[in-house]
């Protein structure tokens, strides 16, 4: 793959052009990565203060009582976005949906404990524990390569 960047002082907005003879997985990945990163920001609210959240700081995102929360390394924030909207924004290589009400950051996971009853217990680096619903077990195993 060849990458070329042109600096033009007359340019008012960034433009990305992909020249290829066919759409491959690599081209698809580039398109998805660029379009996901140019989307909306993740904004959290805590004590009436608004904070732009870095995805690398997010441990897990879950919904409860009609609200969506992001647990970060230091605090918990309320989000305005819905889980399905967050799935589109977040990097699918690092974030995975584990139930109808939760998305986790794989880079913040310490261990996956695959239970005999078919569920997966997820243990985070900070010691927090959550469980994947049975409906998502196959998807998680595929992502983990097991």
C-alpha atoms as a PDB file:
ATOM      1  CA  UNK A   1       0.000   0.000   0.000  1.00  0.00           C
ATOM      2  CA  UNK A   2       1.203   3.469  -0.865  1.00  0.00           C
ATOM      3  CA  UNK A   3       0.284   6.527   1.220  1.00  0.00           C
ATOM      4  CA  UNK A   4       0.540  10.057  -0.090  1.00  0.00           C
ATOM      5  CA  UNK A   5      -0.193  13.293   1.815  1.00  0.00           C
ATOM      6  CA  UNK A   6      -0.446  16.633   0.043  1.00  0.00           C
ATOM      7  CA  UNK A   7      -0.335  19.934   1.940  1.00  0.00           C
ATOM      8  CA  UNK A   8      -2.343  22.685   0.241  1.00  0.00           C
ATOM      9  CA  UNK A   9      -2.745  26.041   1.999  1.00  0.00           C
ATOM     10  CA  UNK A  10      -5.816  26.772  -0.149  1.00  0.00           C
ATOM     11  CA  UNK A  11      -7.614  23.681   1.146  1.00  0.00           C
ATOM     12  CA  UNK A  12     -10.290  24.497   3.722  1.00  0.00           C
ATOM     13  CA  UNK A  13     -11.387  20.946   4.591  1.00  0.00           C
ATOM     14  CA  UNK A  14      -9.512  17.632   4.717  1.00  0.00           C
ATOM     15  CA  UNK A  15     -10.274  15.265   1.849  1.00  0.00           C
ATOM     16  CA  UNK A  16      -9.318  11.602   1.685  1.00  0.00           C
ATOM     17  CA  UNK A  17      -9.147   9.838  -1.704  1.00  0.00           C
ATOM     18  CA  UNK A  18      -8.576   6.105  -2.045  1.00  0.00           C
ATOM     19  CA  UNK A  19      -7.443   4.893  -5.458  1.00  0.00           C
ATOM     20  CA  UNK A  20      -7.714   1.137  -5.895  1.00  0.00           C
ATOM     21  CA  UNK A  21      -8.600  -1.487  -8.493  1.00  0.00           C
ATOM     22  CA  UNK A  22     -11.056  -3.262  -6.134  1.00  0.00           C
ATOM     23  CA  UNK A  23     -12.539  -3.075  -2.653  1.00  0.00           C
ATOM     24  CA  UNK A  24     -10.554  -5.369  -0.362  1.00  0.00           C
ATOM     25  CA  UNK A  25     -10.726  -6.031   3.385  1.00  0.00           C
ATOM     26  CA  UNK A  26      -7.858  -3.568   3.810  1.00  0.00           C
ATOM     27  CA  UNK A  27      -9.725  -0.820   1.909  1.00  0.00           C
ATOM     28  CA  UNK A  28     -12.901  -1.586   3.867  1.00  0.00           C
ATOM     29  CA  UNK A  29     -10.958  -1.318   7.128  1.00  0.00           C
ATOM     30  CA  UNK A  30      -9.457   2.054   6.110  1.00  0.00           C
ATOM     31  CA  UNK A  31     -12.877   3.417   5.131  1.00  0.00           C
ATOM     32  CA  UNK A  32     -14.479   2.249   8.396  1.00  0.00           C
ATOM     33  CA  UNK A  33     -11.614   3.579  10.501  1.00  0.00           C
ATOM     34  CA  UNK A  34     -11.671   7.002   8.870  1.00  0.00           C
ATOM     35  CA  UNK A  35     -15.441   7.317   8.949  1.00  0.00           C
ATOM     36  CA  UNK A  36     -15.666   6.156  12.592  1.00  0.00           C
ATOM     37  CA  UNK A  37     -13.015   8.612  13.772  1.00  0.00           C
ATOM     38  CA  UNK A  38     -14.587  11.528  11.949  1.00  0.00           C
ATOM     39  CA  UNK A  39     -17.954  10.918  13.596  1.00  0.00           C
ATOM     40  CA  UNK A  40     -19.234  12.310  16.828  1.00  0.00           C
ATOM     41  CA  UNK A  41     -17.307  12.700  20.031  1.00  0.00           C
ATOM     42  CA  UNK A  42     -18.207  10.834  23.174  1.00  0.00           C
ATOM     43  CA  UNK A  43     -19.317  13.400  25.720  1.00  0.00           C
ATOM     44  CA  UNK A  44     -19.816  12.467  29.362  1.00  0.00           C
ATOM     45  CA  UNK A  45     -21.617  14.404  32.063  1.00  0.00           C
ATOM     46  CA  UNK A  46     -20.620  14.236  35.718  1.00  0.00           C
ATOM     47  CA  UNK A  47     -21.966  16.651  38.362  1.00  0.00           C
ATOM     48  CA  UNK A  48     -23.270  18.980  35.631  1.00  0.00           C
ATOM     49  CA  UNK A  49     -19.780  19.168  34.091  1.00  0.00           C
ATOM     50  CA  UNK A  50     -19.245  18.064  30.505  1.00  0.00           C
ATOM     51  CA  UNK A  51     -16.129  16.091  29.603  1.00  0.00           C
ATOM     52  CA  UNK A  52     -14.986  14.779  26.230  1.00  0.00           C
ATOM     53  CA  UNK A  53     -14.084  11.147  26.855  1.00  0.00           C
ATOM     54  CA  UNK A  54     -11.125   9.432  25.278  1.00  0.00           C
ATOM     55  CA  UNK A  55     -12.087   5.907  24.202  1.00  0.00           C
ATOM     56  CA  UNK A  56      -8.790   4.600  25.611  1.00  0.00           C
ATOM     57  CA  UNK A  57      -9.939   5.628  29.119  1.00  0.00           C
ATOM     58  CA  UNK A  58     -13.317   3.876  28.875  1.00  0.00           C
ATOM     59  CA  UNK A  59     -13.476   0.525  30.673  1.00  0.00           C
ATOM     60  CA  UNK A  60     -17.115  -0.310  29.985  1.00  0.00           C
ATOM     61  CA  UNK A  61     -20.350   1.308  28.863  1.00  0.00           C
ATOM     62  CA  UNK A  62     -23.673   0.090  30.167  1.00  0.00           C
ATOM     63  CA  UNK A  63     -27.322   1.085  30.278  1.00  0.00           C
ATOM     64  CA  UNK A  64     -29.449   1.061  33.393  1.00  0.00           C
ATOM     65  CA  UNK A  65     -32.867   2.574  34.137  1.00  0.00           C
ATOM     66  CA  UNK A  66     -33.052   4.175  30.697  1.00  0.00           C
ATOM     67  CA  UNK A  67     -29.691   5.941  31.001  1.00  0.00           C
ATOM     68  CA  UNK A  68     -26.286   5.116  29.504  1.00  0.00           C
ATOM     69  CA  UNK A  69     -23.142   5.266  31.639  1.00  0.00           C
ATOM     70  CA  UNK A  70     -19.431   5.113  30.806  1.00  0.00           C
ATOM     71  CA  UNK A  71     -17.108   3.735  33.457  1.00  0.00           C
ATOM     72  CA  UNK A  72     -13.671   5.230  32.931  1.00  0.00           C
ATOM     73  CA  UNK A  73     -10.435   4.520  34.763  1.00  0.00           C
ATOM     74  CA  UNK A  74     -11.160   7.266  37.301  1.00  0.00           C
ATOM     75  CA  UNK A  75     -14.866   8.240  37.126  1.00  0.00           C
ATOM     76  CA  UNK A  76     -18.304   7.299  35.860  1.00  0.00           C
ATOM     77  CA  UNK A  77     -20.122   9.549  33.398  1.00  0.00           C
ATOM     78  CA  UNK A  78     -23.648   9.754  32.030  1.00  0.00           C
ATOM     79  CA  UNK A  79     -23.815   9.706  28.226  1.00  0.00           C
ATOM     80  CA  UNK A  80     -26.426  11.149  25.878  1.00  0.00           C
ATOM     81  CA  UNK A  81     -25.752   8.564  23.148  1.00  0.00           C
ATOM     82  CA  UNK A  82     -27.428   5.163  22.980  1.00  0.00           C
ATOM     83  CA  UNK A  83     -25.446   1.909  22.951  1.00  0.00           C
ATOM     84  CA  UNK A  84     -26.100   1.266  19.254  1.00  0.00           C
ATOM     85  CA  UNK A  85     -24.750   4.748  18.431  1.00  0.00           C
ATOM     86  CA  UNK A  86     -21.659   4.130  20.550  1.00  0.00           C
ATOM     87  CA  UNK A  87     -21.044   0.804  18.782  1.00  0.00           C
ATOM     88  CA  UNK A  88     -20.743   2.711  15.502  1.00  0.00           C
ATOM     89  CA  UNK A  89     -18.340   5.289  16.947  1.00  0.00           C
ATOM     90  CA  UNK A  90     -16.030   3.013  18.947  1.00  0.00           C
ATOM     91  CA  UNK A  91     -13.200   0.972  17.413  1.00  0.00           C
ATOM     92  CA  UNK A  92     -14.618  -2.503  16.814  1.00  0.00           C
ATOM     93  CA  UNK A  93     -11.190  -4.032  17.365  1.00  0.00           C
ATOM     94  CA  UNK A  94     -11.143  -2.791  20.966  1.00  0.00           C
ATOM     95  CA  UNK A  95     -14.806  -2.572  21.977  1.00  0.00           C
ATOM     96  CA  UNK A  96     -17.273  -5.456  21.938  1.00  0.00           C
ATOM     97  CA  UNK A  97     -20.923  -5.726  22.861  1.00  0.00           C
ATOM     98  CA  UNK A  98     -21.347  -8.406  25.530  1.00  0.00           C
ATOM     99  CA  UNK A  99     -25.086  -8.021  26.174  1.00  0.00           C
ATOM    100  CA  UNK A 100     -28.054  -5.913  25.169  1.00  0.00           C
ATOM    101  CA  UNK A 101     -27.045  -3.448  27.862  1.00  0.00           C
ATOM    102  CA  UNK A 102     -23.225  -3.434  27.871  1.00  0.00           C
ATOM    103  CA  UNK A 103     -20.119  -2.771  25.752  1.00  0.00           C
ATOM    104  CA  UNK A 104     -16.618  -3.456  27.093  1.00  0.00           C
ATOM    105  CA  UNK A 105     -13.131  -2.267  26.173  1.00  0.00           C
ATOM    106  CA  UNK A 106     -11.059  -5.393  25.461  1.00  0.00           C
ATOM    107  CA  UNK A 107      -7.862  -3.522  26.330  1.00  0.00           C
ATOM    108  CA  UNK A 108      -9.145  -3.072  29.899  1.00  0.00           C
ATOM    109  CA  UNK A 109      -9.981  -6.766  30.396  1.00  0.00           C
ATOM    110  CA  UNK A 110      -7.680  -8.861  32.569  1.00  0.00           C
ATOM    111  CA  UNK A 111      -9.327 -12.276  32.135  1.00  0.00           C
ATOM    112  CA  UNK A 112     -12.241 -14.081  30.549  1.00  0.00           C
ATOM    113  CA  UNK A 113     -13.583 -16.909  32.697  1.00  0.00           C
ATOM    114  CA  UNK A 114     -15.603 -19.254  30.505  1.00  0.00           C
ATOM    115  CA  UNK A 115     -18.108 -20.896  32.834  1.00  0.00           C
ATOM    116  CA  UNK A 116     -19.403 -24.421  32.578  1.00  0.00           C
ATOM    117  CA  UNK A 117     -22.980 -23.118  32.219  1.00  0.00           C
ATOM    118  CA  UNK A 118     -22.125 -21.323  28.952  1.00  0.00           C
ATOM    119  CA  UNK A 119     -21.628 -17.783  30.237  1.00  0.00           C
ATOM    120  CA  UNK A 120     -18.460 -15.705  30.237  1.00  0.00           C
ATOM    121  CA  UNK A 121     -17.317 -13.865  33.342  1.00  0.00           C
ATOM    122  CA  UNK A 122     -15.266 -10.799  32.407  1.00  0.00           C
ATOM    123  CA  UNK A 123     -12.723  -9.559  34.946  1.00  0.00           C
ATOM    124  CA  UNK A 124     -11.265  -6.102  34.332  1.00  0.00           C
ATOM    125  CA  UNK A 125      -7.795  -4.869  35.253  1.00  0.00           C
ATOM    126  CA  UNK A 126      -9.284  -2.854  38.130  1.00  0.00           C
ATOM    127  CA  UNK A 127     -10.973  -5.981  39.558  1.00  0.00           C
ATOM    128  CA  UNK A 128     -14.492  -5.124  38.394  1.00  0.00           C
ATOM    129  CA  UNK A 129     -16.525  -8.112  37.208  1.00  0.00           C
ATOM    130  CA  UNK A 130     -19.338  -8.351  34.676  1.00  0.00           C
ATOM    131  CA  UNK A 131     -20.970 -11.143  32.709  1.00  0.00           C
ATOM    132  CA  UNK A 132     -21.650 -11.637  29.020  1.00  0.00           C
ATOM    133  CA  UNK A 133     -25.115 -12.823  28.118  1.00  0.00           C
ATOM    134  CA  UNK A 134     -25.355 -16.253  26.499  1.00  0.00           C
ATOM    135  CA  UNK A 135     -26.633 -14.652  23.307  1.00  0.00           C
ATOM    136  CA  UNK A 136     -23.254 -12.904  22.799  1.00  0.00           C
ATOM    137  CA  UNK A 137     -20.940 -15.774  23.854  1.00  0.00           C
ATOM    138  CA  UNK A 138     -20.394 -17.072  20.311  1.00  0.00           C
ATOM    139  CA  UNK A 139     -19.509 -13.568  19.027  1.00  0.00           C
ATOM    140  CA  UNK A 140     -17.057 -13.011  21.894  1.00  0.00           C
ATOM    141  CA  UNK A 141     -15.404 -16.393  21.345  1.00  0.00           C
ATOM    142  CA  UNK A 142     -14.993 -15.545  17.650  1.00  0.00           C
ATOM    143  CA  UNK A 143     -13.374 -12.208  18.479  1.00  0.00           C
ATOM    144  CA  UNK A 144     -11.035 -13.917  20.956  1.00  0.00           C
ATOM    145  CA  UNK A 145     -10.210 -16.653  18.444  1.00  0.00           C
ATOM    146  CA  UNK A 146     -11.439 -19.541  20.606  1.00  0.00           C
END
